[in-house]
C-alpha cells in the first residue's frame, strides 16, 4: 500500500539507541506539543498534563528516577533529544470538567446559557469514579490516546520515538512533584533521532499479525 499514512507507520519503530548529538528543531517541537494538546479524550475531559523535558538539568532529574528499576530505559534519557512525561489526573472532578466547559464557552463552542446542560456528559466521568473519588483507570486511558496521536505525528515528521511504560512512577512523582502538581505518570516518551550505526532495532523487518487475524468486517 502506497498511502503516506501507511508509509509513516511502516517506517516507524521503537528506537533502541538515539544519536545524542541531534536535537529536534523548535518548529517541529511546537507541532508535537500542539498535537498533544489537540488529542482526543473521552467527553473532551483532557485529564492530562504533559511535561516536556529538554534541559540537561531536567534530563538528569529524570535519569535519577531509574535508580531502582527499569534501567534498560535509562540510556534514552540523556541521549534522546527530549523526554515527554504523559501524566493523568487521578481524581478528576466536576470542577475539572467545569474548566473544560468554561473554555468551550470562551471558544464559542458552547453557549453560556447551555453551561448547566453541558454537565450532562460528566455522568460518564462519574461512572468511572470509585467510592474514594479515584478516576485513575479512566484518566490514564486518555493519556494513551494522546500518546498514540503523538507517535504518529512524530512518524510524519521523521522523528524517532521510544514509548516507555518502564518508568518508576513513584520516583517520577517525587522528583517532579512541583511540575506534576498531583498528576500521576505511568508512561513517558523519548523522542529524537536514531543512531543508525548502533541501533539494533533498525534492521529487522516490521512484523504484525495478519489483517484477517485482527479485523472483522460485518
Protein backbone atom coordinates (compact mmCIF):
# COMPACT_ATOMS: atom_id res chain seq x y z
CA UNK A 1 0.00 0.00 0.00
CA UNK A 2 1.40 3.40 -1.01
CA UNK A 3 -0.68 5.78 1.13
CA UNK A 4 1.50 8.19 3.10
CA UNK A 5 -0.10 7.24 6.43
CA UNK A 6 0.83 3.60 5.83
CA UNK A 7 4.36 4.60 4.84
CA UNK A 8 4.69 6.58 8.06
CA UNK A 9 3.55 3.65 10.19
CA UNK A 10 5.70 1.14 8.35
CA UNK A 11 8.78 3.34 8.74
CA UNK A 12 8.39 3.99 12.49
CA UNK A 13 9.81 1.58 15.02
CA UNK A 14 10.80 1.65 18.67
CA UNK A 15 14.21 3.26 18.71
CA UNK A 16 16.74 1.48 20.88
CA UNK A 17 19.63 3.92 20.55
CA UNK A 18 19.43 7.66 19.93
CA UNK A 19 22.03 9.99 18.46
CA UNK A 20 22.74 12.35 21.35
CA UNK A 21 24.22 14.98 19.01
CA UNK A 22 20.91 15.64 17.23
CA UNK A 23 18.18 17.91 18.58
CA UNK A 24 14.61 18.38 17.40
CA UNK A 25 14.10 21.83 15.80
CA UNK A 26 11.87 24.16 17.78
CA UNK A 27 9.40 24.45 14.89
CA UNK A 28 8.88 20.68 14.91
CA UNK A 29 8.69 20.64 18.68
CA UNK A 30 5.91 23.23 18.52
CA UNK A 31 3.95 20.93 16.19
CA UNK A 32 4.46 18.00 18.55
CA UNK A 33 3.24 19.94 21.56
CA UNK A 34 0.19 21.22 19.69
CA UNK A 35 -0.54 17.64 18.62
CA UNK A 36 -0.67 16.59 22.25
CA UNK A 37 -2.94 19.50 23.16
CA UNK A 38 -5.35 18.68 20.32
CA UNK A 39 -5.59 14.97 21.13
CA UNK A 40 -9.00 13.40 21.63
CA UNK A 41 -10.27 12.38 25.06
CA UNK A 42 -13.45 10.94 26.50
CA UNK A 43 -16.11 13.69 26.87
CA UNK A 44 -13.31 16.10 25.91
CA UNK A 45 -12.17 15.74 29.52
CA UNK A 46 -8.49 16.47 28.77
CA UNK A 47 -7.44 15.00 32.15
CA UNK A 48 -3.76 15.21 31.37
CA UNK A 49 -0.57 17.12 31.78
CA UNK A 50 2.49 16.84 29.54
CA UNK A 51 5.94 17.53 30.98
CA UNK A 52 8.43 18.21 28.18
CA UNK A 53 11.98 17.61 29.36
CA UNK A 54 14.66 19.29 27.26
CA UNK A 55 17.30 20.85 29.52
CA UNK A 56 20.30 18.83 30.67
CA UNK A 57 19.36 19.55 34.29
CA UNK A 58 15.83 18.21 33.83
CA UNK A 59 17.16 15.18 31.97
CA UNK A 60 19.45 14.43 34.89
CA UNK A 61 16.48 14.57 37.24
CA UNK A 62 14.61 12.08 35.05
CA UNK A 63 17.75 9.94 34.74
CA UNK A 64 17.87 9.74 38.54
CA UNK A 65 14.38 8.21 38.72
CA UNK A 66 15.76 4.96 37.28
CA UNK A 67 17.79 4.26 40.41
CA UNK A 68 15.72 1.24 41.44
CA UNK A 69 14.33 -0.34 38.27
CA UNK A 70 13.81 -0.20 34.52
CA UNK A 71 17.47 0.68 33.94
CA UNK A 72 17.16 -0.61 30.37
CA UNK A 73 15.33 2.63 29.54
CA UNK A 74 17.75 4.88 31.42
CA UNK A 75 20.19 5.47 28.50
CA UNK A 76 17.41 7.05 26.43
CA UNK A 77 17.02 9.88 28.91
CA UNK A 78 20.35 11.55 28.18
CA UNK A 79 20.69 10.54 24.52
CA UNK A 80 17.22 11.42 23.22
CA UNK A 81 16.53 14.99 22.20
CA UNK A 82 13.53 15.31 24.53
CA UNK A 83 11.55 13.23 27.01
CA UNK A 84 7.82 13.73 27.40
CA UNK A 85 6.06 12.63 30.58
CA UNK A 86 2.40 11.81 29.98
CA UNK A 87 0.53 12.34 33.24
CA UNK A 88 -3.11 11.90 34.24
CA UNK A 89 -5.38 13.36 36.89
CA UNK A 90 -6.15 10.52 39.34
CA UNK A 91 -9.10 12.34 40.90
CA UNK A 92 -10.97 14.09 38.09
CA UNK A 93 -13.86 16.13 39.48
CA UNK A 94 -16.83 18.20 38.39
CA UNK A 95 -14.69 21.30 38.92
CA UNK A 96 -12.12 19.93 36.46
CA UNK A 97 -14.84 19.41 33.89
CA UNK A 98 -16.24 22.87 34.56
CA UNK A 99 -12.90 24.31 33.42
CA UNK A 100 -13.37 22.42 30.13
CA UNK A 101 -16.90 23.75 29.73
CA UNK A 102 -15.82 27.31 30.52
CA UNK A 103 -13.09 27.06 27.89
CA UNK A 104 -15.73 25.80 25.46
CA UNK A 105 -17.81 28.86 26.20
CA UNK A 106 -14.80 31.13 25.70
CA UNK A 107 -14.09 29.39 22.38
CA UNK A 108 -17.78 29.79 21.40
CA UNK A 109 -18.26 26.04 21.17
CA UNK A 110 -20.83 26.14 23.97
CA UNK A 111 -23.38 28.89 24.55
CA UNK A 112 -23.23 30.44 28.04
CA UNK A 113 -26.88 29.61 28.63
CA UNK A 114 -26.14 25.95 27.89
CA UNK A 115 -23.47 25.61 30.57
CA UNK A 116 -25.55 23.59 33.02
CA UNK A 117 -26.81 21.18 30.38
CA UNK A 118 -23.21 20.67 29.20
CA UNK A 119 -22.54 18.96 32.53
CA UNK A 120 -24.68 16.05 31.30
CA UNK A 121 -21.61 14.45 29.77
CA UNK A 122 -19.93 14.41 33.18
CA UNK A 123 -22.14 11.45 34.04
CA UNK A 124 -19.65 9.33 32.14
CA UNK A 125 -16.86 10.53 34.40
CA UNK A 126 -19.00 9.66 37.41
CA UNK A 127 -19.44 6.14 36.04
CA UNK A 128 -15.64 5.85 36.08
CA UNK A 129 -15.16 7.21 39.60
CA UNK A 130 -14.96 4.80 42.53
CA UNK A 131 -16.24 5.37 46.05
CA UNK A 132 -12.92 7.01 47.00
CA UNK A 133 -13.00 9.52 44.15
CA UNK A 134 -10.38 7.62 42.17
CA UNK A 135 -10.64 8.10 38.41
CA UNK A 136 -7.13 6.89 37.51
CA UNK A 137 -8.05 3.88 35.32
CA UNK A 138 -10.22 6.15 33.15
CA UNK A 139 -7.96 9.21 33.04
CA UNK A 140 -4.86 7.10 32.46
CA UNK A 141 -6.54 5.59 29.40
CA UNK A 142 -6.95 9.07 27.93
CA UNK A 143 -3.19 9.67 28.04
CA UNK A 144 -2.70 6.72 25.71
CA UNK A 145 -4.91 8.42 23.13
CA UNK A 146 -2.55 11.39 23.29
CA UNK A 147 0.48 9.09 23.22
CA UNK A 148 -0.65 7.33 20.05
CA UNK A 149 -1.52 10.62 18.39
CA UNK A 150 1.91 11.99 19.25
CA UNK A 151 3.75 8.93 17.98
CA UNK A 152 2.00 9.12 14.61
CA UNK A 153 2.82 12.82 14.34
CA UNK A 154 6.46 12.03 15.08
CA UNK A 155 6.47 9.44 12.30
CA UNK A 156 5.09 12.07 9.90
CA UNK A 157 7.90 14.42 10.93
CA UNK A 158 10.56 11.69 10.54
CA UNK A 159 11.35 11.89 14.23
CA UNK A 160 12.05 8.68 16.13
CA UNK A 161 10.48 7.66 19.42
CA UNK A 162 10.52 5.12 22.22
CA UNK A 163 7.40 4.73 24.38
CA UNK A 164 8.39 3.81 27.93
CA UNK A 165 5.97 2.21 30.34
CA UNK A 166 9.13 1.14 32.11
CA UNK A 167 9.40 4.16 34.37
CA UNK A 168 9.31 4.33 38.16
CA UNK A 169 6.02 6.16 38.70
CA UNK A 170 6.70 6.65 42.41
CA UNK A 171 10.13 8.23 41.90
CA UNK A 172 8.89 10.31 38.96
CA UNK A 173 6.09 11.63 41.17
CA UNK A 174 8.59 12.59 43.86
CA UNK A 175 11.18 14.12 41.56
CA UNK A 176 8.68 16.13 39.53
CA UNK A 177 6.17 16.80 42.30
CA UNK A 178 6.04 20.52 41.59
CA UNK A 179 5.58 20.13 37.84
CA UNK A 180 3.05 17.30 38.14
CA UNK A 181 1.05 19.06 40.87
CA UNK A 182 -0.83 15.93 41.91
CA UNK A 183 -0.99 14.31 38.49
CA UNK A 184 0.47 10.83 38.03
CA UNK A 185 2.56 9.34 35.23
CA UNK A 186 2.89 5.72 34.19
CA UNK A 187 4.33 6.31 30.72
CA UNK A 188 6.86 8.57 29.06
CA UNK A 189 8.10 9.03 25.51
CA UNK A 190 11.70 9.52 24.40
CA UNK A 191 11.93 11.42 21.11
CA UNK A 192 14.83 12.31 18.86
CA UNK A 193 16.84 10.75 16.06
CA UNK A 194 18.18 7.22 15.76
CA UNK A 195 21.83 6.30 15.96
CA UNK A 196 21.67 4.47 12.64
CA UNK A 197 25.02 2.71 13.06
CA UNK A 198 24.36 1.30 16.51
CA UNK A 199 20.60 0.78 16.81
CA UNK A 200 19.99 -2.95 16.51
CA UNK A 201 16.26 -2.49 16.03
CA UNK A 202 16.53 -0.79 12.64
CA UNK A 203 17.34 -3.85 10.53
CA UNK A 204 14.58 -6.34 11.41
CA UNK A 205 11.51 -6.11 9.14
CA UNK A 206 8.28 -4.90 10.67
CA UNK A 207 6.09 -7.74 11.90
CA UNK A 208 2.39 -7.52 12.68
CA UNK A 209 -0.40 -10.09 12.82
CA UNK A 210 -2.25 -10.58 9.54
CA UNK A 211 -5.25 -8.37 8.85
CA UNK A 212 -7.65 -11.29 8.99
CA UNK A 213 -6.39 -12.14 12.48
CA UNK A 214 -7.19 -8.75 13.99
CA UNK A 215 -10.02 -7.26 11.96
CA UNK A 216 -13.56 -8.45 11.44
CA UNK A 217 -15.82 -6.83 8.85
CA UNK A 218 -19.54 -7.47 9.34
